[in-house]
């Protein structure tokens, strides 16, 4: 439950964000329609471990997977669009989670909303 609460806190702190279940998992949206983070706390498909799917800026997926393939992966369905899979079954760096959620938000939110973060 701590993982859900912490991800929820990171995402809910961002402008015009809402949360609802999508495919059975907590998912966060900008303005109710642009998905930027999904939490699969009990795993999803072939990944039987807690993880996030996060929108990512161009090139970030490849860079992070190359740097730490034990922690980052290309998720099914959205990986082809550059999204990043992030394992959450080991030690959790909450600062990193917050940064990944903010980066995901920046990747999909309109410029006007992103400007509110700066």
PDB file of N, CA and C in Angstrom:
ATOM      1  N   UNK A   1       0.815  -1.195   0.000  1.00  0.00           N
ATOM      2  CA  UNK A   1       0.000   0.000   0.000  1.00  0.00           C
ATOM      3  C   UNK A   1       0.858   1.259   0.000  1.00  0.00           C
ATOM      4  N   UNK A   2       2.056   1.161   0.605  1.00  0.00           N
ATOM      5  CA  UNK A   2       2.923   2.342   0.628  1.00  0.00           C
ATOM      6  C   UNK A   2       3.284   2.779  -0.784  1.00  0.00           C
ATOM      7  N   UNK A   3       3.561   1.823  -1.674  1.00  0.00           N
ATOM      8  CA  UNK A   3       3.904   2.158  -3.051  1.00  0.00           C
ATOM      9  C   UNK A   3       2.776   2.940  -3.708  1.00  0.00           C
ATOM     10  N   UNK A   4       1.562   2.451  -3.600  1.00  0.00           N
ATOM     11  CA  UNK A   4       0.409   3.148  -4.174  1.00  0.00           C
ATOM     12  C   UNK A   4       0.272   4.538  -3.575  1.00  0.00           C
ATOM     13  N   UNK A   5       0.361   4.654  -2.272  1.00  0.00           N
ATOM     14  CA  UNK A   5       0.206   5.959  -1.616  1.00  0.00           C
ATOM     15  C   UNK A   5       1.273   6.942  -2.072  1.00  0.00           C
ATOM     16  N   UNK A   6       2.503   6.481  -2.195  1.00  0.00           N
ATOM     17  CA  UNK A   6       3.593   7.383  -2.594  1.00  0.00           C
ATOM     18  C   UNK A   6       3.463   7.802  -4.054  1.00  0.00           C
ATOM     19  N   UNK A   7       3.119   6.869  -4.942  1.00  0.00           N
ATOM     20  CA  UNK A   7       2.929   7.216  -6.361  1.00  0.00           C
ATOM     21  C   UNK A   7       1.727   8.144  -6.489  1.00  0.00           C
ATOM     22  N   UNK A   8       0.676   7.836  -5.778  1.00  0.00           N
ATOM     23  CA  UNK A   8      -0.515   8.689  -5.789  1.00  0.00           C
ATOM     24  C   UNK A   8      -0.159  10.110  -5.353  1.00  0.00           C
ATOM     25  N   UNK A   9       0.625  10.240  -4.300  1.00  0.00           N
ATOM     26  CA  UNK A   9       1.026  11.556  -3.825  1.00  0.00           C
ATOM     27  C   UNK A   9       1.845  12.323  -4.845  1.00  0.00           C
ATOM     28  N   UNK A  10       2.774  11.629  -5.503  1.00  0.00           N
ATOM     29  CA  UNK A  10       3.605  12.277  -6.523  1.00  0.00           C
ATOM     30  C   UNK A  10       2.763  12.753  -7.698  1.00  0.00           C
ATOM     31  N   UNK A  11       1.850  11.916  -8.155  1.00  0.00           N
ATOM     32  CA  UNK A  11       1.036  12.266  -9.323  1.00  0.00           C
ATOM     33  C   UNK A  11      -0.029  13.302  -8.988  1.00  0.00           C
ATOM     34  N   UNK A  12      -0.688  13.151  -7.857  1.00  0.00           N
ATOM     35  CA  UNK A  12      -1.779  14.067  -7.483  1.00  0.00           C
ATOM     36  C   UNK A  12      -1.280  15.482  -7.228  1.00  0.00           C
ATOM     37  N   UNK A  13       0.001  15.648  -6.947  1.00  0.00           N
ATOM     38  CA  UNK A  13       0.556  16.978  -6.697  1.00  0.00           C
ATOM     39  C   UNK A  13       0.716  17.790  -7.981  1.00  0.00           C
ATOM     40  N   UNK A  14       0.538  17.165  -9.119  1.00  0.00           N
ATOM     41  CA  UNK A  14       0.725  17.837 -10.402  1.00  0.00           C
ATOM     42  C   UNK A  14      -0.587  18.459 -10.882  1.00  0.00           C
ATOM     43  N   UNK A  15      -0.514  19.551 -11.657  1.00  0.00           N
ATOM     44  CA  UNK A  15      -1.720  20.263 -12.088  1.00  0.00           C
ATOM     45  C   UNK A  15      -2.670  19.432 -12.949  1.00  0.00           C
ATOM     46  N   UNK A  16      -3.955  19.529 -12.628  1.00  0.00           N
ATOM     47  CA  UNK A  16      -5.061  18.948 -13.396  1.00  0.00           C
ATOM     48  C   UNK A  16      -4.917  17.439 -13.618  1.00  0.00           C
ATOM     49  N   UNK A  17      -4.516  16.733 -12.568  1.00  0.00           N
ATOM     50  CA  UNK A  17      -4.348  15.277 -12.626  1.00  0.00           C
ATOM     51  C   UNK A  17      -5.532  14.590 -11.956  1.00  0.00           C
ATOM     52  N   UNK A  18      -5.969  13.502 -12.551  1.00  0.00           N
ATOM     53  CA  UNK A  18      -6.999  12.663 -11.953  1.00  0.00           C
ATOM     54  C   UNK A  18      -6.511  11.216 -11.975  1.00  0.00           C
ATOM     55  N   UNK A  19      -7.147  10.400 -11.163  1.00  0.00           N
ATOM     56  CA  UNK A  19      -6.790   8.983 -11.062  1.00  0.00           C
ATOM     57  C   UNK A  19      -8.043   8.144 -11.256  1.00  0.00           C
ATOM     58  N   UNK A  20      -7.871   7.043 -11.973  1.00  0.00           N
ATOM     59  CA  UNK A  20      -8.928   6.040 -12.086  1.00  0.00           C
ATOM     60  C   UNK A  20      -8.287   4.735 -12.525  1.00  0.00           C
ATOM     61  N   UNK A  21      -9.024   3.664 -12.354  1.00  0.00           N
ATOM     62  CA  UNK A  21      -8.524   2.368 -12.792  1.00  0.00           C
ATOM     63  C   UNK A  21      -8.553   2.287 -14.316  1.00  0.00           C
ATOM     64  N   UNK A  22      -7.507   1.716 -14.864  1.00  0.00           N
ATOM     65  CA  UNK A  22      -7.453   1.423 -16.287  1.00  0.00           C
ATOM     66  C   UNK A  22      -6.880   0.019 -16.415  1.00  0.00           C
ATOM     67  N   UNK A  23      -7.644  -0.878 -17.009  1.00  0.00           N
ATOM     68  CA  UNK A  23      -7.247  -2.277 -17.117  1.00  0.00           C
ATOM     69  C   UNK A  23      -6.941  -2.864 -15.739  1.00  0.00           C
ATOM     70  N   UNK A  24      -7.682  -2.414 -14.728  1.00  0.00           N
ATOM     71  CA  UNK A  24      -7.564  -2.958 -13.379  1.00  0.00           C
ATOM     72  C   UNK A  24      -6.449  -2.371 -12.530  1.00  0.00           C
ATOM     73  N   UNK A  25      -5.727  -1.385 -13.052  1.00  0.00           N
ATOM     74  CA  UNK A  25      -4.598  -0.807 -12.310  1.00  0.00           C
ATOM     75  C   UNK A  25      -4.781   0.698 -12.121  1.00  0.00           C
ATOM     76  N   UNK A  26      -4.327   1.225 -10.986  1.00  0.00           N
ATOM     77  CA  UNK A  26      -4.396   2.669 -10.780  1.00  0.00           C
ATOM     78  C   UNK A  26      -3.591   3.387 -11.869  1.00  0.00           C
ATOM     79  N   UNK A  27      -4.236   4.368 -12.489  1.00  0.00           N
ATOM     80  CA  UNK A  27      -3.631   5.100 -13.601  1.00  0.00           C
ATOM     81  C   UNK A  27      -3.909   6.576 -13.412  1.00  0.00           C
ATOM     82  N   UNK A  28      -2.925   7.398 -13.769  1.00  0.00           N
ATOM     83  CA  UNK A  28      -3.054   8.838 -13.607  1.00  0.00           C
ATOM     84  C   UNK A  28      -3.107   9.505 -14.975  1.00  0.00           C
ATOM     85  N   UNK A  29      -3.994  10.508 -15.062  1.00  0.00           N
ATOM     86  CA  UNK A  29      -4.311  11.184 -16.311  1.00  0.00           C
ATOM     87  C   UNK A  29      -4.160  12.696 -16.142  1.00  0.00           C
ATOM     88  N   UNK A  30      -3.756  13.352 -17.203  1.00  0.00           N
ATOM     89  CA  UNK A  30      -3.759  14.809 -17.264  1.00  0.00           C
ATOM     90  C   UNK A  30      -5.061  15.208 -17.937  1.00  0.00           C
ATOM     91  N   UNK A  31      -5.810  16.088 -17.276  1.00  0.00           N
ATOM     92  CA  UNK A  31      -7.106  16.552 -17.792  1.00  0.00           C
ATOM     93  C   UNK A  31      -8.051  15.402 -18.126  1.00  0.00           C
ATOM     94  N   UNK A  32      -7.935  14.316 -17.389  1.00  0.00           N
ATOM     95  CA  UNK A  32      -8.872  13.211 -17.506  1.00  0.00           C
ATOM     96  C   UNK A  32      -8.718  12.322 -18.717  1.00  0.00           C
ATOM     97  N   UNK A  33      -7.754  12.609 -19.600  1.00  0.00           N
ATOM     98  CA  UNK A  33      -7.676  11.789 -20.803  1.00  0.00           C
ATOM     99  C   UNK A  33      -6.264  11.411 -21.252  1.00  0.00           C
ATOM    100  N   UNK A  34      -5.236  12.112 -20.827  1.00  0.00           N
ATOM    101  CA  UNK A  34      -3.872  11.794 -21.262  1.00  0.00           C
ATOM    102  C   UNK A  34      -3.159  11.011 -20.155  1.00  0.00           C
ATOM    103  N   UNK A  35      -2.977   9.723 -20.384  1.00  0.00           N
ATOM    104  CA  UNK A  35      -2.328   8.853 -19.403  1.00  0.00           C
ATOM    105  C   UNK A  35      -0.845   9.193 -19.305  1.00  0.00           C
ATOM    106  N   UNK A  36      -0.321   9.214 -18.053  1.00  0.00           N
ATOM    107  CA  UNK A  36       1.113   9.425 -17.923  1.00  0.00           C
ATOM    108  C   UNK A  36       1.792   8.436 -16.992  1.00  0.00           C
ATOM    109  N   UNK A  37       1.065   7.788 -16.071  1.00  0.00           N
ATOM    110  CA  UNK A  37       1.648   6.763 -15.189  1.00  0.00           C
ATOM    111  C   UNK A  37       0.586   5.707 -14.888  1.00  0.00           C
ATOM    112  N   UNK A  38       0.997   4.446 -14.909  1.00  0.00           N
ATOM    113  CA  UNK A  38       0.163   3.335 -14.458  1.00  0.00           C
ATOM    114  C   UNK A  38       0.988   2.509 -13.476  1.00  0.00           C
ATOM    115  N   UNK A  39       0.357   2.130 -12.374  1.00  0.00           N
ATOM    116  CA  UNK A  39       1.011   1.301 -11.363  1.00  0.00           C
ATOM    117  C   UNK A  39       0.447  -0.111 -11.416  1.00  0.00           C
ATOM    118  N   UNK A  40       1.315  -1.065 -11.653  1.00  0.00           N
ATOM    119  CA  UNK A  40       0.944  -2.487 -11.620  1.00  0.00           C
ATOM    120  C   UNK A  40       1.572  -3.062 -10.353  1.00  0.00           C
ATOM    121  N   UNK A  41       0.912  -2.874  -9.231  1.00  0.00           N
ATOM    122  CA  UNK A  41       1.468  -3.248  -7.921  1.00  0.00           C
ATOM    123  C   UNK A  41       1.662  -4.751  -7.762  1.00  0.00           C
ATOM    124  N   UNK A  42       0.862  -5.543  -8.473  1.00  0.00           N
ATOM    125  CA  UNK A  42       0.969  -6.998  -8.377  1.00  0.00           C
ATOM    126  C   UNK A  42       1.511  -7.622  -9.651  1.00  0.00           C
ATOM    127  N   UNK A  43       2.077  -6.815 -10.507  1.00  0.00           N
ATOM    128  CA  UNK A  43       2.591  -7.309 -11.775  1.00  0.00           C
ATOM    129  C   UNK A  43       1.548  -7.207 -12.871  1.00  0.00           C
ATOM    130  N   UNK A  44       1.996  -7.475 -14.094  1.00  0.00           N
ATOM    131  CA  UNK A  44       1.114  -7.393 -15.259  1.00  0.00           C
ATOM    132  C   UNK A  44       1.735  -8.210 -16.379  1.00  0.00           C
ATOM    133  N   UNK A  45       0.955  -9.058 -17.002  1.00  0.00           N
ATOM    134  CA  UNK A  45       1.403  -9.949 -18.065  1.00  0.00           C
ATOM    135  C   UNK A  45       2.583 -10.797 -17.588  1.00  0.00           C
ATOM    136  N   UNK A  46       3.680 -10.792 -18.299  1.00  0.00           N
ATOM    137  CA  UNK A  46       4.821 -11.641 -17.951  1.00  0.00           C
ATOM    138  C   UNK A  46       5.710 -11.047 -16.866  1.00  0.00           C
ATOM    139  N   UNK A  47       5.365  -9.890 -16.373  1.00  0.00           N
ATOM    140  CA  UNK A  47       6.162  -9.226 -15.345  1.00  0.00           C
ATOM    141  C   UNK A  47       5.474  -9.420 -13.994  1.00  0.00           C
ATOM    142  N   UNK A  48       5.905 -10.448 -13.250  1.00  0.00           N
ATOM    143  CA  UNK A  48       5.280 -10.789 -11.971  1.00  0.00           C
ATOM    144  C   UNK A  48       5.938 -10.059 -10.804  1.00  0.00           C
ATOM    145  N   UNK A  49       6.093  -8.771 -10.941  1.00  0.00           N
ATOM    146  CA  UNK A  49       6.690  -7.947  -9.889  1.00  0.00           C
ATOM    147  C   UNK A  49       6.054  -6.564  -9.962  1.00  0.00           C
ATOM    148  N   UNK A  50       6.081  -5.855  -8.871  1.00  0.00           N
ATOM    149  CA  UNK A  50       5.529  -4.502  -8.837  1.00  0.00           C
ATOM    150  C   UNK A  50       6.324  -3.613  -9.790  1.00  0.00           C
ATOM    151  N   UNK A  51       5.591  -2.827 -10.584  1.00  0.00           N
ATOM    152  CA  UNK A  51       6.265  -1.923 -11.507  1.00  0.00           C
ATOM    153  C   UNK A  51       5.338  -0.796 -11.965  1.00  0.00           C
ATOM    154  N   UNK A  52       5.964   0.223 -12.513  1.00  0.00           N
ATOM    155  CA  UNK A  52       5.264   1.362 -13.101  1.00  0.00           C
ATOM    156  C   UNK A  52       5.466   1.347 -14.606  1.00  0.00           C
ATOM    157  N   UNK A  53       4.506   1.870 -15.318  1.00  0.00           N
ATOM    158  CA  UNK A  53       4.686   2.236 -16.711  1.00  0.00           C
ATOM    159  C   UNK A  53       4.604   3.750 -16.718  1.00  0.00           C
ATOM    160  N   UNK A  54       5.612   4.410 -17.248  1.00  0.00           N
ATOM    161  CA  UNK A  54       5.673   5.870 -17.248  1.00  0.00           C
ATOM    162  C   UNK A  54       5.915   6.389 -18.657  1.00  0.00           C
ATOM    163  N   UNK A  55       5.171   7.420 -19.040  1.00  0.00           N
ATOM    164  CA  UNK A  55       5.515   8.121 -20.274  1.00  0.00           C
ATOM    165  C   UNK A  55       6.927   8.657 -20.080  1.00  0.00           C
ATOM    166  N   UNK A  56       7.663   8.784 -21.155  1.00  0.00           N
ATOM    167  CA  UNK A  56       9.050   9.236 -21.038  1.00  0.00           C
ATOM    168  C   UNK A  56       9.389  10.157 -22.201  1.00  0.00           C
ATOM    169  N   UNK A  57      10.288  11.086 -21.965  1.00  0.00           N
ATOM    170  CA  UNK A  57      10.726  11.952 -23.061  1.00  0.00           C
ATOM    171  C   UNK A  57      11.496  11.140 -24.108  1.00  0.00           C
ATOM    172  N   UNK A  58      11.595  11.640 -25.333  1.00  0.00           N
ATOM    173  CA  UNK A  58      12.304  10.917 -26.387  1.00  0.00           C
ATOM    174  C   UNK A  58      13.719  10.526 -25.959  1.00  0.00           C
ATOM    175  N   UNK A  59      14.059   9.270 -26.200  1.00  0.00           N
ATOM    176  CA  UNK A  59      15.387   8.762 -25.908  1.00  0.00           C
ATOM    177  C   UNK A  59      15.597   8.267 -24.488  1.00  0.00           C
ATOM    178  N   UNK A  60      14.732   8.640 -23.564  1.00  0.00           N
ATOM    179  CA  UNK A  60      14.927   8.264 -22.157  1.00  0.00           C
ATOM    180  C   UNK A  60      14.801   6.757 -21.959  1.00  0.00           C
ATOM    181  N   UNK A  61      13.845   6.127 -22.644  1.00  0.00           N
ATOM    182  CA  UNK A  61      13.656   4.685 -22.482  1.00  0.00           C
ATOM    183  C   UNK A  61      14.945   3.932 -22.798  1.00  0.00           C
ATOM    184  N   UNK A  62      15.529   4.182 -23.952  1.00  0.00           N
ATOM    185  CA  UNK A  62      16.734   3.482 -24.356  1.00  0.00           C
ATOM    186  C   UNK A  62      17.890   3.781 -23.405  1.00  0.00           C
ATOM    187  N   UNK A  63      18.033   5.031 -23.022  1.00  0.00           N
ATOM    188  CA  UNK A  63      19.129   5.436 -22.147  1.00  0.00           C
ATOM    189  C   UNK A  63      19.050   4.748 -20.779  1.00  0.00           C
ATOM    190  N   UNK A  64      17.868   4.750 -20.172  1.00  0.00           N
ATOM    191  CA  UNK A  64      17.720   4.167 -18.838  1.00  0.00           C
ATOM    192  C   UNK A  64      17.822   2.647 -18.858  1.00  0.00           C
ATOM    193  N   UNK A  65      17.257   2.014 -19.877  1.00  0.00           N
ATOM    194  CA  UNK A  65      17.367   0.560 -19.979  1.00  0.00           C
ATOM    195  C   UNK A  65      18.835   0.162 -20.167  1.00  0.00           C
ATOM    196  N   UNK A  66      19.557   0.887 -20.991  1.00  0.00           N
ATOM    197  CA  UNK A  66      20.979   0.582 -21.206  1.00  0.00           C
ATOM    198  C   UNK A  66      21.787   0.782 -19.927  1.00  0.00           C
ATOM    199  N   UNK A  67      21.437   1.797 -19.152  1.00  0.00           N
ATOM    200  CA  UNK A  67      22.180   2.099 -17.930  1.00  0.00           C
ATOM    201  C   UNK A  67      21.896   1.116 -16.803  1.00  0.00           C
ATOM    202  N   UNK A  68      20.644   0.616 -16.726  1.00  0.00           N
ATOM    203  CA  UNK A  68      20.277  -0.273 -15.617  1.00  0.00           C
ATOM    204  C   UNK A  68      19.160  -1.239 -16.047  1.00  0.00           C
ATOM    205  N   UNK A  69      19.497  -2.249 -16.849  1.00  0.00           N
ATOM    206  CA  UNK A  69      18.472  -3.176 -17.361  1.00  0.00           C
ATOM    207  C   UNK A  69      17.823  -4.051 -16.287  1.00  0.00           C
ATOM    208  N   UNK A  70      18.391  -4.116 -15.106  1.00  0.00           N
ATOM    209  CA  UNK A  70      17.767  -4.876 -14.024  1.00  0.00           C
ATOM    210  C   UNK A  70      16.603  -4.103 -13.417  1.00  0.00           C
ATOM    211  N   UNK A  71      16.580  -2.803 -13.598  1.00  0.00           N
ATOM    212  CA  UNK A  71      15.537  -1.984 -13.000  1.00  0.00           C
ATOM    213  C   UNK A  71      14.558  -1.408 -14.021  1.00  0.00           C
ATOM    214  N   UNK A  72      15.030  -1.129 -15.233  1.00  0.00           N
ATOM    215  CA  UNK A  72      14.188  -0.521 -16.265  1.00  0.00           C
ATOM    216  C   UNK A  72      13.965  -1.504 -17.402  1.00  0.00           C
ATOM    217  N   UNK A  73      12.771  -1.432 -18.040  1.00  0.00           N
ATOM    218  CA  UNK A  73      12.456  -2.325 -19.152  1.00  0.00           C
ATOM    219  C   UNK A  73      11.470  -1.652 -20.101  1.00  0.00           C
ATOM    220  N   UNK A  74      11.330  -2.251 -21.274  1.00  0.00           N
ATOM    221  CA  UNK A  74      10.380  -1.763 -22.276  1.00  0.00           C
ATOM    222  C   UNK A  74       9.052  -2.474 -22.040  1.00  0.00           C
ATOM    223  N   UNK A  75       8.038  -1.741 -21.605  1.00  0.00           N
ATOM    224  CA  UNK A  75       6.767  -2.400 -21.294  1.00  0.00           C
ATOM    225  C   UNK A  75       5.985  -2.777 -22.563  1.00  0.00           C
ATOM    226  N   UNK A  76       5.135  -3.809 -22.453  1.00  0.00           N
ATOM    227  CA  UNK A  76       4.308  -4.170 -23.605  1.00  0.00           C
ATOM    228  C   UNK A  76       3.317  -3.042 -23.907  1.00  0.00           C
ATOM    229  N   UNK A  77       2.817  -3.027 -25.119  1.00  0.00           N
ATOM    230  CA  UNK A  77       1.807  -2.076 -25.605  1.00  0.00           C
ATOM    231  C   UNK A  77       2.357  -0.666 -25.759  1.00  0.00           C
ATOM    232  N   UNK A  78       2.824  -0.055 -24.695  1.00  0.00           N
ATOM    233  CA  UNK A  78       3.227   1.354 -24.733  1.00  0.00           C
ATOM    234  C   UNK A  78       4.731   1.540 -24.929  1.00  0.00           C
ATOM    235  N   UNK A  79       5.500   0.481 -24.832  1.00  0.00           N
ATOM    236  CA  UNK A  79       6.948   0.574 -25.003  1.00  0.00           C
ATOM    237  C   UNK A  79       7.347   1.068 -26.381  1.00  0.00           C
ATOM    238  N   UNK A  80       6.566   0.728 -27.385  1.00  0.00           N
ATOM    239  CA  UNK A  80       6.842   1.187 -28.744  1.00  0.00           C
ATOM    240  C   UNK A  80       6.676   2.680 -28.913  1.00  0.00           C
ATOM    241  N   UNK A  81       5.983   3.302 -27.974  1.00  0.00           N
ATOM    242  CA  UNK A  81       5.805   4.764 -28.005  1.00  0.00           C
ATOM    243  C   UNK A  81       6.800   5.455 -27.071  1.00  0.00           C
ATOM    244  N   UNK A  82       7.793   4.698 -26.587  1.00  0.00           N
ATOM    245  CA  UNK A  82       8.830   5.298 -25.764  1.00  0.00           C
ATOM    246  C   UNK A  82       8.598   5.243 -24.274  1.00  0.00           C
ATOM    247  N   UNK A  83       7.488   4.618 -23.844  1.00  0.00           N
ATOM    248  CA  UNK A  83       7.219   4.527 -22.411  1.00  0.00           C
ATOM    249  C   UNK A  83       8.263   3.646 -21.733  1.00  0.00           C
ATOM    250  N   UNK A  84       8.393   3.842 -20.443  1.00  0.00           N
ATOM    251  CA  UNK A  84       9.407   3.167 -19.651  1.00  0.00           C
ATOM    252  C   UNK A  84       8.753   2.295 -18.584  1.00  0.00           C
ATOM    253  N   UNK A  85       9.234   1.062 -18.447  1.00  0.00           N
ATOM    254  CA  UNK A  85       8.828   0.195 -17.354  1.00  0.00           C
ATOM    255  C   UNK A  85       9.853   0.332 -16.239  1.00  0.00           C
ATOM    256  N   UNK A  86       9.366   0.450 -15.002  1.00  0.00           N
ATOM    257  CA  UNK A  86      10.251   0.664 -13.853  1.00  0.00           C
ATOM    258  C   UNK A  86       9.916  -0.358 -12.780  1.00  0.00           C
ATOM    259  N   UNK A  87      10.850  -1.254 -12.491  1.00  0.00           N
ATOM    260  CA  UNK A  87      10.640  -2.258 -11.431  1.00  0.00           C
ATOM    261  C   UNK A  87      10.543  -1.571 -10.084  1.00  0.00           C
ATOM    262  N   UNK A  88       9.619  -2.063  -9.244  1.00  0.00           N
ATOM    263  CA  UNK A  88       9.452  -1.517  -7.898  1.00  0.00           C
ATOM    264  C   UNK A  88       9.419  -2.631  -6.877  1.00  0.00           C
ATOM    265  N   UNK A  89      10.109  -3.713  -7.138  1.00  0.00           N
ATOM    266  CA  UNK A  89      10.085  -4.844  -6.219  1.00  0.00           C
ATOM    267  C   UNK A  89      11.328  -4.923  -5.345  1.00  0.00           C
ATOM    268  N   UNK A  90      12.224  -3.995  -5.475  1.00  0.00           N
ATOM    269  CA  UNK A  90      13.419  -3.949  -4.618  1.00  0.00           C
ATOM    270  C   UNK A  90      13.357  -2.699  -3.757  1.00  0.00           C
ATOM    271  N   UNK A  91      14.518  -2.219  -3.376  1.00  0.00           N
ATOM    272  CA  UNK A  91      14.578  -0.972  -2.614  1.00  0.00           C
ATOM    273  C   UNK A  91      14.026   0.159  -3.478  1.00  0.00           C
ATOM    274  N   UNK A  92      13.202   0.985  -2.888  1.00  0.00           N
ATOM    275  CA  UNK A  92      12.548   2.061  -3.640  1.00  0.00           C
ATOM    276  C   UNK A  92      13.186   3.392  -3.285  1.00  0.00           C
ATOM    277  N   UNK A  93      13.638   4.096  -4.303  1.00  0.00           N
ATOM    278  CA  UNK A  93      14.170   5.446  -4.155  1.00  0.00           C
ATOM    279  C   UNK A  93      13.003   6.392  -4.436  1.00  0.00           C
ATOM    280  N   UNK A  94      12.420   6.955  -3.383  1.00  0.00           N
ATOM    281  CA  UNK A  94      11.218   7.775  -3.541  1.00  0.00           C
ATOM    282  C   UNK A  94      11.487   9.058  -4.306  1.00  0.00           C
ATOM    283  N   UNK A  95      12.697   9.591  -4.219  1.00  0.00           N
ATOM    284  CA  UNK A  95      13.041  10.781  -5.004  1.00  0.00           C
ATOM    285  C   UNK A  95      13.013  10.429  -6.489  1.00  0.00           C
ATOM    286  N   UNK A  96      13.534   9.256  -6.830  1.00  0.00           N
ATOM    287  CA  UNK A  96      13.514   8.811  -8.220  1.00  0.00           C
ATOM    288  C   UNK A  96      12.077   8.626  -8.711  1.00  0.00           C
ATOM    289  N   UNK A  97      11.232   8.023  -7.894  1.00  0.00           N
ATOM    290  CA  UNK A  97       9.827   7.818  -8.280  1.00  0.00           C
ATOM    291  C   UNK A  97       9.168   9.165  -8.562  1.00  0.00           C
ATOM    292  N   UNK A  98       9.379  10.121  -7.680  1.00  0.00           N
ATOM    293  CA  UNK A  98       8.802  11.453  -7.875  1.00  0.00           C
ATOM    294  C   UNK A  98       9.308  12.069  -9.181  1.00  0.00           C
ATOM    295  N   UNK A  99      10.590  11.950  -9.453  1.00  0.00           N
ATOM    296  CA  UNK A  99      11.163  12.503 -10.688  1.00  0.00           C
ATOM    297  C   UNK A  99      10.607  11.805 -11.926  1.00  0.00           C
ATOM    298  N   UNK A 100      10.468  10.485 -11.868  1.00  0.00           N
ATOM    299  CA  UNK A 100       9.912   9.752 -13.006  1.00  0.00           C
ATOM    300  C   UNK A 100       8.463  10.160 -13.273  1.00  0.00           C
ATOM    301  N   UNK A 101       7.683  10.360 -12.215  1.00  0.00           N
ATOM    302  CA  UNK A 101       6.299  10.800 -12.382  1.00  0.00           C
ATOM    303  C   UNK A 101       6.244  12.205 -12.981  1.00  0.00           C
ATOM    304  N   UNK A 102       7.103  13.094 -12.518  1.00  0.00           N
ATOM    305  CA  UNK A 102       7.159  14.459 -13.069  1.00  0.00           C
ATOM    306  C   UNK A 102       7.601  14.447 -14.532  1.00  0.00           C
ATOM    307  N   UNK A 103       8.598  13.622 -14.856  1.00  0.00           N
ATOM    308  CA  UNK A 103       9.050  13.524 -16.243  1.00  0.00           C
ATOM    309  C   UNK A 103       7.942  12.968 -17.132  1.00  0.00           C
ATOM    310  N   UNK A 104       7.211  11.978 -16.621  1.00  0.00           N
ATOM    311  CA  UNK A 104       6.099  11.398 -17.384  1.00  0.00           C
ATOM    312  C   UNK A 104       5.026  12.452 -17.638  1.00  0.00           C
ATOM    313  N   UNK A 105       4.719  13.231 -16.616  1.00  0.00           N
ATOM    314  CA  UNK A 105       3.741  14.312 -16.755  1.00  0.00           C
ATOM    315  C   UNK A 105       4.201  15.298 -17.831  1.00  0.00           C
ATOM    316  N   UNK A 106       5.453  15.711 -17.740  1.00  0.00           N
ATOM    317  CA  UNK A 106       6.004  16.663 -18.711  1.00  0.00           C
ATOM    318  C   UNK A 106       5.951  16.109 -20.138  1.00  0.00           C
ATOM    319  N   UNK A 107       6.051  14.796 -20.283  1.00  0.00           N
ATOM    320  CA  UNK A 107       6.046  14.176 -21.608  1.00  0.00           C
ATOM    321  C   UNK A 107       4.678  14.240 -22.287  1.00  0.00           C
ATOM    322  N   UNK A 108       3.596  14.346 -21.511  1.00  0.00           N
ATOM    323  CA  UNK A 108       2.262  14.308 -22.126  1.00  0.00           C
ATOM    324  C   UNK A 108       1.414  15.561 -21.884  1.00  0.00           C
ATOM    325  N   UNK A 109       1.710  16.335 -20.872  1.00  0.00           N
ATOM    326  CA  UNK A 109       0.870  17.485 -20.515  1.00  0.00           C
ATOM    327  C   UNK A 109       1.045  18.632 -21.516  1.00  0.00           C
ATOM    328  N   UNK A 110       0.011  19.418 -21.678  1.00  0.00           N
ATOM    329  CA  UNK A 110       0.136  20.610 -22.524  1.00  0.00           C
ATOM    330  C   UNK A 110       1.178  21.576 -21.953  1.00  0.00           C
ATOM    331  N   UNK A 111       1.805  22.346 -22.837  1.00  0.00           N
ATOM    332  CA  UNK A 111       2.865  23.267 -22.417  1.00  0.00           C
ATOM    333  C   UNK A 111       2.430  24.215 -21.301  1.00  0.00           C
ATOM    334  N   UNK A 112       1.185  24.662 -21.360  1.00  0.00           N
ATOM    335  CA  UNK A 112       0.702  25.597 -20.333  1.00  0.00           C
ATOM    336  C   UNK A 112       0.745  24.977 -18.948  1.00  0.00           C
ATOM    337  N   UNK A 113       0.405  23.701 -18.843  1.00  0.00           N
ATOM    338  CA  UNK A 113       0.452  23.020 -17.566  1.00  0.00           C
ATOM    339  C   UNK A 113       1.889  22.717 -17.137  1.00  0.00           C
ATOM    340  N   UNK A 114       2.718  22.334 -18.097  1.00  0.00           N
ATOM    341  CA  UNK A 114       4.126  22.082 -17.781  1.00  0.00           C
ATOM    342  C   UNK A 114       4.778  23.352 -17.259  1.00  0.00           C
ATOM    343  N   UNK A 115       4.418  24.490 -17.832  1.00  0.00           N
ATOM    344  CA  UNK A 115       4.994  25.770 -17.391  1.00  0.00           C
ATOM    345  C   UNK A 115       4.685  26.060 -15.922  1.00  0.00           C
ATOM    346  N   UNK A 116       3.585  25.526 -15.410  1.00  0.00           N
ATOM    347  CA  UNK A 116       3.242  25.732 -13.997  1.00  0.00           C
ATOM    348  C   UNK A 116       4.225  25.027 -13.063  1.00  0.00           C
ATOM    349  N   UNK A 117       4.939  24.037 -13.575  1.00  0.00           N
ATOM    350  CA  UNK A 117       5.920  23.315 -12.748  1.00  0.00           C
ATOM    351  C   UNK A 117       7.223  24.080 -12.616  1.00  0.00           C
ATOM    352  N   UNK A 118       7.494  24.973 -13.551  1.00  0.00           N
ATOM    353  CA  UNK A 118       8.780  25.683 -13.568  1.00  0.00           C
ATOM    354  C   UNK A 118       8.756  26.953 -12.745  1.00  0.00           C
TER     355      UNK A 118
END
